[in-house]
Amino acid sequence: MLDIVFRDDHLIAINKPHDLLVHRSNIAADAEVFALQLLRDQVGQKVYPVHRIDRKTGGVLLFAFDKAIEIEMQKQFADNRVSKTYLAILRGHTADNGEIDYPLRKENGTLQDAFTTYHTLKRAELDVPFGKYPTSRYSLVEATPKTGRMHQLRKHFAHIFHPVIGDRTHGCNKQNKLFKEKWEMTTMLLHASKLTFNHPVNGEVITIEAALQPEFIRVMRLMSWS
């Protein structure tokens, strides 16, 4: 059963597990289970995804119960009127606060403005040798993408040399191998923790939050983060 974290007559949101696709996709032909179908079957009515989060990312995923609400919410996302907050575990010790203003290229080659802010919540240094270093360093950050580009946070943190742990596309293969071999962890440690927006029908400010998934929590305990 999917964890439903918000529901009214117009919208429904789940806490999507890591490694669950939003819907069927040609780029992931191996997948047989999708959030869209699971939620539709669970609530017994049609639902429409109003945005996307990566297959490997967990957290808040919002759906509409009808096409008109879907379109209205998609406009809010497209106009950057939805506030999105993520938690991520990164390689290395990040600055206390940071801004990443770095354009990202679309599949057709077009450059798009992309802007992210982040705040470091915790840091850890484990007694685990890594490469030429006697220890391994990590940071827990709260990140806010101000634009909505594909893989924005993953690309932005890789750009500043603090990639997301478990990101096999944009991350550090050596770190990912370390986590897999030492802790049997292959989850990408990126979590969509909160969405804030104006309700498309009554205008009320809605904030939806999603608790961390078990694998993310397990790694936080490894880091001695409460």
Protein backbone atom coordinates (compact mmCIF):
# COMPACT_ATOMS: atom_id res chain seq x y z
CA MET A 1 0.00 0.00 0.00
CA LEU A 2 1.25 3.46 -0.90
CA ASP A 3 1.60 5.98 1.93
CA ILE A 4 -0.99 8.72 1.26
CA VAL A 5 0.18 11.96 2.90
CA PHE A 6 -2.53 14.34 1.60
CA ARG A 7 -6.01 13.95 0.12
CA ASP A 8 -9.01 16.12 -0.59
CA ASP A 9 -11.69 16.17 -3.30
CA HIS A 10 -9.24 17.46 -5.93
CA LEU A 11 -5.70 16.36 -5.07
CA ILE A 12 -3.91 13.39 -3.56
CA ALA A 13 -0.24 13.00 -2.65
CA ILE A 14 1.86 9.99 -1.73
CA ASN A 15 5.25 9.45 -0.14
CA LYS A 16 6.79 7.69 -3.15
CA PRO A 17 9.31 4.98 -2.30
CA HIS A 18 12.74 5.11 -3.87
CA ASP A 19 13.04 3.09 -7.11
CA LEU A 20 9.35 3.40 -8.05
CA LEU A 21 8.55 4.95 -11.43
CA VAL A 22 5.79 7.55 -11.61
CA HIS A 23 4.34 5.94 -14.75
CA ARG A 24 5.29 3.67 -17.63
CA SER A 25 8.32 4.86 -19.57
CA ASN A 26 10.29 3.66 -22.57
CA ILE A 27 13.54 4.47 -20.79
CA ALA A 28 12.79 1.95 -18.02
CA ALA A 29 11.43 -1.07 -19.83
CA ASP A 30 12.45 -3.31 -16.91
CA ALA A 31 9.81 -1.82 -14.59
CA GLU A 32 6.47 -3.54 -14.12
CA VAL A 33 5.07 -1.52 -11.18
CA PHE A 34 4.26 2.20 -11.31
CA ALA A 35 3.01 4.76 -8.79
CA LEU A 36 0.20 5.86 -11.11
CA GLN A 37 -1.36 2.41 -11.42
CA LEU A 38 -0.76 1.50 -7.78
CA LEU A 39 -2.49 4.65 -6.53
CA ARG A 40 -5.36 4.33 -9.01
CA ASP A 41 -6.02 0.78 -7.83
CA GLN A 42 -5.63 1.72 -4.16
CA VAL A 43 -8.17 4.59 -4.22
CA GLY A 44 -10.42 3.07 -6.89
CA GLN A 45 -10.46 6.04 -9.24
CA LYS A 46 -8.39 7.64 -11.98
CA VAL A 47 -5.50 9.91 -10.96
CA TYR A 48 -3.29 12.25 -12.99
CA PRO A 49 0.34 13.04 -12.05
CA VAL A 50 0.88 16.80 -11.98
CA HIS A 51 4.69 16.65 -11.76
CA ARG A 52 7.53 14.12 -11.79
CA ILE A 53 10.28 13.03 -9.45
CA ASP A 54 13.03 10.65 -10.48
CA ARG A 55 12.58 6.93 -10.17
CA LYS A 56 15.44 6.80 -7.64
CA THR A 57 14.15 9.78 -5.61
CA GLY A 58 11.68 9.26 -2.76
CA GLY A 59 9.16 11.65 -1.28
CA VAL A 60 6.15 13.83 -2.07
CA LEU A 61 4.46 13.03 -5.37
CA LEU A 62 1.26 14.91 -6.21
CA PHE A 63 -1.69 13.73 -8.34
CA ALA A 64 -4.98 15.31 -9.39
CA PHE A 65 -8.36 13.60 -9.56
CA ASP A 66 -9.39 15.29 -12.82
CA LYS A 67 -7.79 16.73 -15.94
CA ALA A 68 -8.64 20.38 -15.23
CA ILE A 69 -6.89 20.31 -11.84
CA GLU A 70 -3.94 18.48 -13.39
CA ILE A 71 -3.52 21.26 -15.98
CA GLU A 72 -3.83 24.03 -13.38
CA MET A 73 -1.23 22.42 -11.10
CA GLN A 74 1.12 21.78 -14.01
CA LYS A 75 0.95 25.52 -14.75
CA GLN A 76 1.95 26.27 -11.17
CA PHE A 77 4.95 23.97 -11.45
CA ALA A 78 5.92 25.38 -14.86
CA ASP A 79 5.72 28.96 -13.52
CA ASN A 80 7.85 28.05 -10.46
CA ARG A 81 4.97 28.90 -8.13
CA VAL A 82 5.40 25.66 -6.19
CA SER A 83 8.01 25.65 -3.41
CA LYS A 84 9.94 22.37 -3.37
CA THR A 85 12.22 21.22 -0.54
CA TYR A 86 14.56 18.23 -0.71
CA LEU A 87 16.91 16.45 1.65
CA ALA A 88 20.11 14.94 0.26
CA ILE A 89 23.20 13.17 1.56
CA LEU A 90 26.26 14.35 -0.34
CA ARG A 91 29.91 13.45 -0.63
CA GLY A 92 32.22 15.76 1.28
CA HIS A 93 31.63 18.67 3.64
CA THR A 94 29.49 21.35 2.02
CA ALA A 95 29.44 25.05 2.90
CA ASP A 96 26.99 26.20 5.57
CA ASN A 97 24.85 27.80 2.86
CA GLY A 98 25.18 27.93 -0.89
CA GLU A 99 23.67 29.05 -4.17
CA ILE A 100 24.19 27.20 -7.43
CA ASP A 101 23.46 29.28 -10.50
CA TYR A 102 24.43 26.97 -13.35
CA PRO A 103 22.49 26.56 -16.63
CA LEU A 104 21.56 23.01 -17.62
CA ARG A 105 21.27 21.65 -21.13
CA LYS A 106 18.07 20.01 -22.41
CA GLU A 107 18.17 16.85 -24.51
CA ASN A 108 17.87 18.99 -27.66
CA GLY A 109 20.96 20.97 -26.64
CA THR A 110 19.17 24.12 -25.48
CA LEU A 111 20.56 25.73 -22.33
CA GLN A 112 18.10 26.58 -19.56
CA ASP A 113 18.66 28.76 -16.52
CA ALA A 114 18.81 26.67 -13.34
CA PHE A 115 19.13 27.94 -9.78
CA THR A 116 19.36 26.04 -6.48
CA THR A 117 19.89 27.13 -2.89
CA TYR A 118 20.94 24.81 -0.08
CA HIS A 119 21.61 24.80 3.64
CA THR A 120 23.83 22.26 5.41
CA LEU A 121 22.07 20.56 8.31
CA LYS A 122 24.65 17.97 9.44
CA ARG A 123 28.18 16.83 8.67
CA ALA A 124 29.91 13.53 9.40
CA GLU A 125 33.43 12.12 9.14
CA LEU A 126 33.57 8.33 9.21
CA ASP A 127 36.62 6.28 10.10
CA VAL A 128 36.46 4.65 6.68
CA PRO A 129 39.44 5.16 4.34
CA PHE A 130 38.54 6.43 0.90
CA GLY A 131 41.10 6.76 -1.89
CA LYS A 132 44.08 8.74 -0.60
CA TYR A 133 42.13 9.97 2.43
CA PRO A 134 42.10 8.19 5.84
CA THR A 135 38.43 9.07 6.44
CA SER A 136 35.21 9.66 4.51
CA ARG A 137 33.21 12.89 4.78
CA TYR A 138 29.51 13.48 4.15
CA SER A 139 26.89 16.20 4.50
CA LEU A 140 23.13 16.28 4.96
CA VAL A 141 21.65 19.27 3.15
CA GLU A 142 18.25 20.83 2.68
CA ALA A 143 17.96 22.00 -0.92
CA THR A 144 15.46 24.22 -2.69
CA PRO A 145 15.43 24.19 -6.50
CA LYS A 146 14.12 27.56 -7.66
CA THR A 147 13.68 26.20 -11.19
CA GLY A 148 12.43 22.79 -12.28
CA ARG A 149 14.99 21.30 -14.66
CA MET A 150 15.47 17.59 -15.25
CA HIS A 151 17.86 16.09 -12.67
CA GLN A 152 18.57 19.64 -11.49
CA LEU A 153 19.70 18.87 -7.95
CA ARG A 154 21.71 15.86 -9.03
CA LYS A 155 23.52 17.84 -11.72
CA HIS A 156 23.99 20.92 -9.55
CA PHE A 157 25.54 19.04 -6.63
CA ALA A 158 27.81 17.14 -9.01
CA HIS A 159 28.81 20.50 -10.49
CA ILE A 160 30.07 21.74 -7.10
CA PHE A 161 31.86 18.39 -6.50
CA HIS A 162 29.44 17.22 -3.79
CA PRO A 163 27.43 14.58 -5.67
CA VAL A 164 24.40 12.83 -4.21
CA ILE A 165 25.30 9.45 -2.73
CA GLY A 166 23.78 6.64 -4.79
CA ASP A 167 23.39 8.73 -7.96
CA ARG A 168 24.73 6.36 -10.60
CA THR A 169 24.28 8.81 -13.50
CA HIS A 170 25.77 12.04 -12.15
CA GLY A 171 27.40 10.87 -8.92
CA CYS A 172 30.67 9.35 -7.76
CA ASN A 173 31.03 5.73 -8.86
CA LYS A 174 33.70 5.04 -6.24
CA GLN A 175 31.47 6.30 -3.41
CA ASN A 176 28.51 4.35 -4.76
CA LYS A 177 30.67 1.21 -4.85
CA LEU A 178 31.81 1.85 -1.26
CA PHE A 179 28.21 2.14 -0.03
CA LYS A 180 27.18 -0.99 -1.90
CA GLU A 181 30.09 -3.14 -0.70
CA LYS A 182 30.37 -1.89 2.88
CA TRP A 183 26.73 -1.21 3.76
CA GLU A 184 24.74 -2.99 1.00
CA MET A 185 23.13 0.35 0.13
CA THR A 186 22.21 1.23 -3.44
CA THR A 187 19.45 3.79 -2.81
CA MET A 188 19.95 7.31 -4.18
CA LEU A 189 19.89 9.49 -1.07
CA LEU A 190 17.64 12.25 -2.39
CA HIS A 191 14.22 12.83 -0.82
CA ALA A 192 11.45 15.25 -1.83
CA SER A 193 10.47 16.27 1.68
CA LYS A 194 7.98 19.12 1.17
CA LEU A 195 5.74 20.87 -1.37
CA THR A 196 4.01 24.22 -0.76
CA PHE A 197 1.52 25.73 -3.21
CA ASN A 198 -1.82 27.52 -3.49
CA HIS A 199 -4.76 25.16 -3.82
CA PRO A 200 -6.06 25.37 -7.41
CA VAL A 201 -9.71 25.58 -6.29
CA ASN A 202 -9.88 27.63 -3.08
CA GLY A 203 -6.47 29.37 -3.12
CA GLU A 204 -5.54 28.08 0.34
CA VAL A 205 -1.82 27.63 1.00
CA ILE A 206 -1.16 23.89 1.15
CA THR A 207 2.01 22.33 2.58
CA ILE A 208 2.55 18.60 2.13
CA GLU A 209 5.40 16.80 3.87
CA ALA A 210 6.73 13.26 3.52
CA ALA A 211 8.80 11.36 6.09
CA LEU A 212 12.14 9.87 5.14
CA GLN A 213 12.21 6.35 3.71
CA PRO A 214 13.87 3.49 5.67
CA GLU A 215 17.11 3.36 3.63
CA PHE A 216 17.66 7.10 4.03
CA ILE A 217 17.11 6.76 7.77
CA ARG A 218 19.53 3.81 7.92
CA VAL A 219 22.31 5.91 6.36
CA MET A 220 21.59 8.81 8.72
CA ARG A 221 22.11 6.41 11.62
CA LEU A 222 25.39 5.27 10.07
CA MET A 223 26.41 8.93 10.14
CA SER A 224 25.25 9.27 13.79
CA TRP A 225 22.71 11.89 12.73
CA SER A 226 19.61 11.92 14.91
